[in-house]
Amino acid sequence: MTAGGLEPVDPWQRLDPRRARAQVIRAGFGGRSAGGCPVGALQRPRQIFRFLNWTLQIDMESDRPPRMHRYRCLGESEDGTPCGAEGVESSDFATAQKWTAEHLRVEQDHRSYEHVVRTPWLMVPAEEP
């Protein structure tokens, strides 16, 4: 027996299912409880799973959340620290763009910006389960 309380297992014994079953029974996991489920199994209903092909696509449904736009300043201060200022997040692209002009008015050396877009996406199965 090892420090964890488990006995070493010979990997070749896994090839013979009868020997593997015997090891499971010896370990105490192969018996049946009063409800008929294997000892150590969770007491819950069985579930069937299917493997499906999925596609990731932009959500075009009418009830989707809106696409949101925001701009972030990539300029640096005179001491070399990044600005990182961000405009307000807006569903209107033009409103989000206005912030860049306002920021440039205050910080005239900050001319690089990053457009951050938040878009809703969906995972769609090839066939409905």
N, C-alpha and C. Protein backbone atom coordinates (compact mmCIF):
# COMPACT_ATOMS: atom_id res chain seq x y z
N MET A 1 0.82 -1.18 0.00
CA MET A 1 0.00 0.00 0.00
C MET A 1 0.87 1.24 0.00
N THR A 2 0.42 2.26 -0.74
CA THR A 2 1.18 3.50 -0.84
C THR A 2 0.69 4.49 0.20
N ALA A 3 1.29 5.67 0.20
CA ALA A 3 0.94 6.70 1.18
C ALA A 3 -0.51 7.16 1.02
N GLY A 4 -1.05 7.15 -0.21
CA GLY A 4 -2.41 7.58 -0.45
C GLY A 4 -3.44 6.52 -0.11
N GLY A 5 -3.01 5.32 0.27
CA GLY A 5 -3.93 4.27 0.62
C GLY A 5 -4.38 3.43 -0.56
N LEU A 6 -3.77 3.62 -1.72
CA LEU A 6 -4.13 2.85 -2.90
C LEU A 6 -3.03 1.86 -3.24
N GLU A 7 -3.43 0.73 -3.77
CA GLU A 7 -2.45 -0.27 -4.18
C GLU A 7 -2.01 0.03 -5.60
N PRO A 8 -0.74 -0.27 -5.94
CA PRO A 8 -0.30 -0.07 -7.31
C PRO A 8 -1.06 -1.00 -8.25
N VAL A 9 -1.34 -0.51 -9.46
CA VAL A 9 -2.10 -1.29 -10.43
C VAL A 9 -1.19 -1.65 -11.59
N ASP A 10 -1.26 -2.93 -12.00
CA ASP A 10 -0.51 -3.39 -13.16
C ASP A 10 -1.28 -2.97 -14.42
N PRO A 11 -0.72 -2.11 -15.31
CA PRO A 11 -1.47 -1.66 -16.48
C PRO A 11 -1.88 -2.79 -17.41
N TRP A 12 -1.17 -3.91 -17.40
CA TRP A 12 -1.52 -5.02 -18.27
C TRP A 12 -2.80 -5.70 -17.81
N GLN A 13 -3.14 -5.56 -16.56
CA GLN A 13 -4.37 -6.17 -16.06
C GLN A 13 -5.60 -5.48 -16.62
N ARG A 14 -5.45 -4.23 -17.08
CA ARG A 14 -6.58 -3.50 -17.65
C ARG A 14 -7.05 -4.12 -18.97
N LEU A 15 -6.18 -4.86 -19.64
CA LEU A 15 -6.56 -5.47 -20.90
C LEU A 15 -7.57 -6.60 -20.72
N ASP A 16 -7.59 -7.22 -19.55
CA ASP A 16 -8.52 -8.31 -19.28
C ASP A 16 -9.66 -7.73 -18.44
N PRO A 17 -10.88 -7.56 -19.03
CA PRO A 17 -11.97 -6.92 -18.29
C PRO A 17 -12.39 -7.69 -17.04
N ARG A 18 -12.23 -9.03 -17.03
CA ARG A 18 -12.62 -9.79 -15.83
C ARG A 18 -11.71 -9.45 -14.67
N ARG A 19 -10.42 -9.28 -14.93
CA ARG A 19 -9.50 -8.94 -13.85
C ARG A 19 -9.77 -7.53 -13.35
N ALA A 20 -10.04 -6.61 -14.26
CA ALA A 20 -10.35 -5.24 -13.86
C ALA A 20 -11.60 -5.21 -13.00
N ARG A 21 -12.62 -5.97 -13.38
CA ARG A 21 -13.86 -6.05 -12.60
C ARG A 21 -13.57 -6.62 -11.23
N ALA A 22 -12.71 -7.61 -11.16
CA ALA A 22 -12.37 -8.20 -9.87
C ALA A 22 -11.69 -7.17 -8.98
N GLN A 23 -10.83 -6.33 -9.55
CA GLN A 23 -10.17 -5.30 -8.75
C GLN A 23 -11.18 -4.29 -8.24
N VAL A 24 -12.15 -3.92 -9.07
CA VAL A 24 -13.16 -2.96 -8.66
C VAL A 24 -13.98 -3.52 -7.52
N ILE A 25 -14.37 -4.80 -7.62
CA ILE A 25 -15.15 -5.42 -6.55
C ILE A 25 -14.33 -5.50 -5.27
N ARG A 26 -13.05 -5.85 -5.40
CA ARG A 26 -12.20 -5.93 -4.21
C ARG A 26 -12.06 -4.57 -3.55
N ALA A 27 -12.05 -3.51 -4.35
CA ALA A 27 -11.90 -2.17 -3.80
C ALA A 27 -13.18 -1.71 -3.12
N GLY A 28 -14.29 -2.42 -3.33
CA GLY A 28 -15.53 -2.07 -2.67
C GLY A 28 -16.45 -1.20 -3.47
N PHE A 29 -16.16 -0.99 -4.77
CA PHE A 29 -17.00 -0.13 -5.59
C PHE A 29 -17.94 -0.91 -6.49
N GLY A 30 -17.82 -2.19 -6.57
CA GLY A 30 -18.60 -2.96 -7.52
C GLY A 30 -19.88 -3.54 -6.96
N GLY A 31 -20.13 -3.39 -5.67
CA GLY A 31 -21.34 -3.95 -5.07
C GLY A 31 -22.56 -3.12 -5.41
N ARG A 32 -23.71 -3.55 -4.95
CA ARG A 32 -24.96 -2.83 -5.20
C ARG A 32 -25.52 -2.34 -3.88
N SER A 33 -26.11 -1.16 -3.93
CA SER A 33 -26.75 -0.63 -2.74
C SER A 33 -28.17 -1.15 -2.67
N ALA A 34 -28.90 -0.76 -1.64
CA ALA A 34 -30.27 -1.23 -1.47
C ALA A 34 -31.17 -0.76 -2.61
N GLY A 35 -30.87 0.39 -3.23
CA GLY A 35 -31.69 0.91 -4.32
C GLY A 35 -31.36 0.31 -5.67
N GLY A 36 -30.36 -0.56 -5.74
CA GLY A 36 -29.99 -1.19 -6.99
C GLY A 36 -28.91 -0.46 -7.76
N CYS A 37 -28.49 0.72 -7.30
CA CYS A 37 -27.43 1.45 -7.98
C CYS A 37 -26.09 0.97 -7.47
N PRO A 38 -25.04 1.06 -8.30
CA PRO A 38 -23.73 0.66 -7.83
C PRO A 38 -23.30 1.51 -6.63
N VAL A 39 -22.59 0.88 -5.72
CA VAL A 39 -22.08 1.60 -4.55
C VAL A 39 -21.12 2.67 -5.04
N GLY A 40 -21.24 3.86 -4.54
CA GLY A 40 -20.37 4.95 -4.94
C GLY A 40 -20.95 5.77 -6.08
N ALA A 41 -21.97 5.27 -6.78
CA ALA A 41 -22.59 6.04 -7.86
C ALA A 41 -23.52 7.08 -7.28
N LEU A 42 -23.69 8.17 -7.99
CA LEU A 42 -24.61 9.20 -7.54
C LEU A 42 -26.04 8.73 -7.76
N GLN A 43 -26.93 9.05 -6.87
CA GLN A 43 -28.33 8.65 -6.97
C GLN A 43 -29.08 9.70 -7.78
N ARG A 44 -29.04 9.60 -9.12
CA ARG A 44 -29.76 10.52 -9.98
C ARG A 44 -30.20 9.78 -11.24
N PRO A 45 -31.18 10.31 -11.94
CA PRO A 45 -31.65 9.62 -13.13
C PRO A 45 -30.59 9.57 -14.22
N ARG A 46 -30.68 8.56 -15.07
CA ARG A 46 -29.73 8.43 -16.17
C ARG A 46 -30.03 9.49 -17.22
N GLN A 47 -29.01 9.92 -17.90
CA GLN A 47 -29.16 10.93 -18.94
C GLN A 47 -28.51 10.43 -20.21
N ILE A 48 -29.08 10.78 -21.35
CA ILE A 48 -28.53 10.40 -22.63
C ILE A 48 -27.92 11.64 -23.27
N PHE A 49 -26.68 11.50 -23.73
CA PHE A 49 -25.99 12.60 -24.38
C PHE A 49 -25.74 12.25 -25.83
N ARG A 50 -25.84 13.25 -26.70
CA ARG A 50 -25.53 13.08 -28.12
C ARG A 50 -24.40 14.02 -28.48
N PHE A 51 -23.56 13.60 -29.39
CA PHE A 51 -22.51 14.47 -29.91
C PHE A 51 -23.09 15.21 -31.10
N LEU A 52 -23.04 16.54 -31.07
CA LEU A 52 -23.60 17.37 -32.13
C LEU A 52 -22.52 18.29 -32.69
N ASN A 53 -22.69 18.68 -33.92
CA ASN A 53 -21.82 19.69 -34.51
C ASN A 53 -22.41 21.06 -34.21
N TRP A 54 -21.58 21.95 -33.70
CA TRP A 54 -22.04 23.28 -33.31
C TRP A 54 -21.37 24.33 -34.18
N THR A 55 -22.06 25.44 -34.38
CA THR A 55 -21.53 26.57 -35.13
C THR A 55 -21.68 27.83 -34.29
N LEU A 56 -20.62 28.61 -34.23
CA LEU A 56 -20.66 29.89 -33.53
C LEU A 56 -21.01 30.97 -34.54
N GLN A 57 -22.08 31.73 -34.27
CA GLN A 57 -22.50 32.77 -35.20
C GLN A 57 -23.04 33.98 -34.44
N ILE A 58 -23.05 35.12 -35.12
CA ILE A 58 -23.57 36.35 -34.52
C ILE A 58 -25.06 36.19 -34.29
N ASP A 59 -25.52 36.64 -33.14
CA ASP A 59 -26.94 36.56 -32.78
C ASP A 59 -27.71 37.59 -33.59
N MET A 60 -28.61 37.11 -34.46
CA MET A 60 -29.41 38.00 -35.30
C MET A 60 -30.88 38.00 -34.88
N GLU A 61 -31.19 37.40 -33.73
CA GLU A 61 -32.57 37.34 -33.25
C GLU A 61 -33.05 38.74 -32.87
N SER A 62 -34.36 38.94 -32.87
CA SER A 62 -34.92 40.26 -32.56
C SER A 62 -34.76 40.64 -31.08
N ASP A 63 -34.65 39.65 -30.20
CA ASP A 63 -34.55 39.94 -28.76
C ASP A 63 -33.11 39.97 -28.25
N ARG A 64 -32.14 40.01 -29.16
CA ARG A 64 -30.74 39.99 -28.74
C ARG A 64 -30.36 41.32 -28.08
N PRO A 65 -29.35 41.30 -27.23
CA PRO A 65 -28.85 42.57 -26.69
C PRO A 65 -28.15 43.36 -27.81
N PRO A 66 -28.12 44.68 -27.73
CA PRO A 66 -27.52 45.46 -28.82
C PRO A 66 -26.00 45.32 -28.84
N ARG A 67 -25.42 45.55 -30.01
CA ARG A 67 -23.96 45.60 -30.14
C ARG A 67 -23.51 46.91 -29.50
N MET A 68 -22.47 46.83 -28.68
CA MET A 68 -22.01 48.01 -27.94
C MET A 68 -20.62 48.42 -28.44
N HIS A 69 -20.39 49.74 -28.53
CA HIS A 69 -19.13 50.31 -29.02
C HIS A 69 -18.52 51.18 -27.93
N ARG A 70 -17.19 51.14 -27.88
CA ARG A 70 -16.44 51.97 -26.94
C ARG A 70 -15.05 52.22 -27.54
N TYR A 71 -14.49 53.38 -27.25
CA TYR A 71 -13.13 53.68 -27.69
C TYR A 71 -12.24 53.84 -26.47
N ARG A 72 -11.00 53.37 -26.62
CA ARG A 72 -10.01 53.44 -25.55
C ARG A 72 -8.76 54.13 -26.10
N CYS A 73 -8.22 55.05 -25.33
CA CYS A 73 -7.02 55.79 -25.75
C CYS A 73 -5.78 54.92 -25.60
N LEU A 74 -4.98 54.87 -26.65
CA LEU A 74 -3.71 54.13 -26.61
C LEU A 74 -2.51 55.06 -26.52
N GLY A 75 -2.77 56.36 -26.33
CA GLY A 75 -1.70 57.35 -26.22
C GLY A 75 -0.96 57.22 -24.90
N GLU A 76 0.18 57.89 -24.85
CA GLU A 76 1.02 57.87 -23.64
C GLU A 76 1.24 59.29 -23.12
N SER A 77 1.39 59.38 -21.81
CA SER A 77 1.73 60.67 -21.21
C SER A 77 3.20 60.97 -21.48
N GLU A 78 3.64 62.16 -21.11
CA GLU A 78 5.03 62.54 -21.34
C GLU A 78 6.01 61.65 -20.60
N ASP A 79 5.59 61.10 -19.46
CA ASP A 79 6.48 60.22 -18.70
C ASP A 79 6.45 58.77 -19.21
N GLY A 80 5.67 58.49 -20.27
CA GLY A 80 5.66 57.15 -20.86
C GLY A 80 4.59 56.21 -20.34
N THR A 81 3.79 56.67 -19.39
CA THR A 81 2.72 55.80 -18.88
C THR A 81 1.54 55.84 -19.85
N PRO A 82 0.92 54.67 -20.09
CA PRO A 82 -0.22 54.65 -21.02
C PRO A 82 -1.42 55.39 -20.43
N CYS A 83 -2.15 56.06 -21.30
CA CYS A 83 -3.31 56.83 -20.86
C CYS A 83 -4.43 55.89 -20.42
N GLY A 84 -4.91 55.06 -21.33
CA GLY A 84 -5.95 54.08 -20.99
C GLY A 84 -7.33 54.65 -20.75
N ALA A 85 -7.54 55.93 -21.02
CA ALA A 85 -8.86 56.52 -20.80
C ALA A 85 -9.86 55.87 -21.77
N GLU A 86 -11.10 55.71 -21.31
CA GLU A 86 -12.13 55.09 -22.13
C GLU A 86 -13.34 55.98 -22.23
N GLY A 87 -13.98 55.94 -23.39
CA GLY A 87 -15.22 56.67 -23.59
C GLY A 87 -16.38 55.86 -23.03
N VAL A 88 -17.57 56.43 -23.13
CA VAL A 88 -18.76 55.74 -22.66
C VAL A 88 -19.12 54.65 -23.67
N GLU A 89 -19.66 53.56 -23.17
CA GLU A 89 -20.11 52.48 -24.03
C GLU A 89 -21.50 52.84 -24.57
N SER A 90 -21.67 52.72 -25.88
CA SER A 90 -22.91 53.12 -26.50
C SER A 90 -23.29 52.14 -27.61
N SER A 91 -24.60 51.97 -27.81
CA SER A 91 -25.05 51.13 -28.91
C SER A 91 -24.98 51.89 -30.23
N ASP A 92 -24.86 53.22 -30.16
CA ASP A 92 -24.75 54.04 -31.36
C ASP A 92 -23.28 54.28 -31.67
N PHE A 93 -22.85 53.85 -32.85
CA PHE A 93 -21.44 53.95 -33.25
C PHE A 93 -20.96 55.39 -33.28
N ALA A 94 -21.77 56.30 -33.82
CA ALA A 94 -21.38 57.71 -33.93
C ALA A 94 -21.19 58.36 -32.56
N THR A 95 -22.04 57.98 -31.61
CA THR A 95 -21.92 58.53 -30.25
C THR A 95 -20.61 58.08 -29.62
N ALA A 96 -20.24 56.83 -29.83
CA ALA A 96 -18.98 56.33 -29.27
C ALA A 96 -17.79 57.02 -29.92
N GLN A 97 -17.87 57.33 -31.21
CA GLN A 97 -16.77 57.99 -31.91
C GLN A 97 -16.56 59.43 -31.45
N LYS A 98 -17.61 60.10 -31.02
CA LYS A 98 -17.50 61.50 -30.59
C LYS A 98 -16.53 61.65 -29.42
N TRP A 99 -16.42 60.61 -28.60
CA TRP A 99 -15.54 60.69 -27.43
C TRP A 99 -14.09 60.91 -27.85
N THR A 100 -13.68 60.31 -28.99
CA THR A 100 -12.29 60.46 -29.42
C THR A 100 -11.94 61.92 -29.69
N ALA A 101 -12.87 62.66 -30.29
CA ALA A 101 -12.62 64.09 -30.55
C ALA A 101 -12.56 64.88 -29.25
N GLU A 102 -13.43 64.53 -28.30
CA GLU A 102 -13.43 65.22 -27.00
C GLU A 102 -12.12 64.94 -26.25
N HIS A 103 -11.64 63.70 -26.31
CA HIS A 103 -10.40 63.36 -25.62
C HIS A 103 -9.20 64.03 -26.29
N LEU A 104 -9.22 64.10 -27.61
CA LEU A 104 -8.14 64.74 -28.34
C LEU A 104 -8.08 66.23 -28.02
N ARG A 105 -9.21 66.85 -27.79
CA ARG A 105 -9.26 68.27 -27.42
C ARG A 105 -8.52 68.48 -26.10
N VAL A 106 -8.65 67.54 -25.15
CA VAL A 106 -8.00 67.67 -23.84
C VAL A 106 -6.54 67.24 -23.91
N GLU A 107 -6.28 66.12 -24.57
CA GLU A 107 -4.92 65.55 -24.68
C GLU A 107 -4.52 65.55 -26.15
N GLN A 108 -3.87 66.62 -26.62
CA GLN A 108 -3.63 66.78 -28.06
C GLN A 108 -2.58 65.84 -28.63
N ASP A 109 -1.79 65.19 -27.79
CA ASP A 109 -0.79 64.24 -28.27
C ASP A 109 -1.35 62.81 -28.36
N HIS A 110 -2.53 62.57 -27.85
CA HIS A 110 -3.12 61.23 -27.85
C HIS A 110 -3.93 61.04 -29.13
N ARG A 111 -3.29 60.39 -30.12
CA ARG A 111 -3.93 60.24 -31.43
C ARG A 111 -4.22 58.78 -31.79
N SER A 112 -3.90 57.85 -30.92
CA SER A 112 -4.15 56.43 -31.19
C SER A 112 -5.27 55.93 -30.29
N TYR A 113 -6.21 55.22 -30.91
CA TYR A 113 -7.37 54.72 -30.16
C TYR A 113 -7.65 53.28 -30.54
N GLU A 114 -8.30 52.60 -29.65
CA GLU A 114 -8.71 51.22 -29.87
C GLU A 114 -10.23 51.16 -29.85
N HIS A 115 -10.82 50.54 -30.87
CA HIS A 115 -12.28 50.39 -30.94
C HIS A 115 -12.63 49.05 -30.29
N VAL A 116 -13.37 49.09 -29.21
CA VAL A 116 -13.78 47.89 -28.48
C VAL A 116 -15.26 47.65 -28.77
N VAL A 117 -15.56 46.47 -29.31
CA VAL A 117 -16.94 46.15 -29.69
C VAL A 117 -17.38 44.93 -28.87
N ARG A 118 -18.59 45.02 -28.33
CA ARG A 118 -19.19 43.89 -27.62
C ARG A 118 -20.37 43.42 -28.45
N THR A 119 -20.25 42.21 -29.02
CA THR A 119 -21.25 41.68 -29.94
C THR A 119 -21.83 40.38 -29.37
N PRO A 120 -23.16 40.23 -29.36
CA PRO A 120 -23.75 38.97 -28.88
C PRO A 120 -23.59 37.86 -29.93
N TRP A 121 -23.19 36.67 -29.48
CA TRP A 121 -23.00 35.51 -30.34
C TRP A 121 -23.83 34.35 -29.80
N LEU A 122 -24.08 33.37 -30.65
CA LEU A 122 -24.83 32.17 -30.28
C LEU A 122 -24.09 30.91 -30.73
N MET A 123 -24.25 29.84 -29.96
CA MET A 123 -23.82 28.51 -30.40
C MET A 123 -25.06 27.81 -30.91
N VAL A 124 -25.05 27.40 -32.19
CA VAL A 124 -26.21 26.79 -32.83
C VAL A 124 -25.86 25.37 -33.24
N PRO A 125 -26.68 24.37 -32.84
CA PRO A 125 -26.39 23.00 -33.27
C PRO A 125 -26.79 22.79 -34.72
N ALA A 126 -26.10 21.86 -35.41
CA ALA A 126 -26.42 21.55 -36.81
C ALA A 126 -27.84 21.01 -36.90
N GLU A 127 -28.27 20.24 -35.91
CA GLU A 127 -29.65 19.74 -35.83
C GLU A 127 -30.10 19.86 -34.39
N GLU A 128 -31.35 20.20 -34.21
CA GLU A 128 -31.86 20.37 -32.85
C GLU A 128 -31.95 19.01 -32.16
N PRO A 129 -31.51 18.95 -30.91
CA PRO A 129 -31.56 17.67 -30.17
C PRO A 129 -32.99 17.25 -29.84
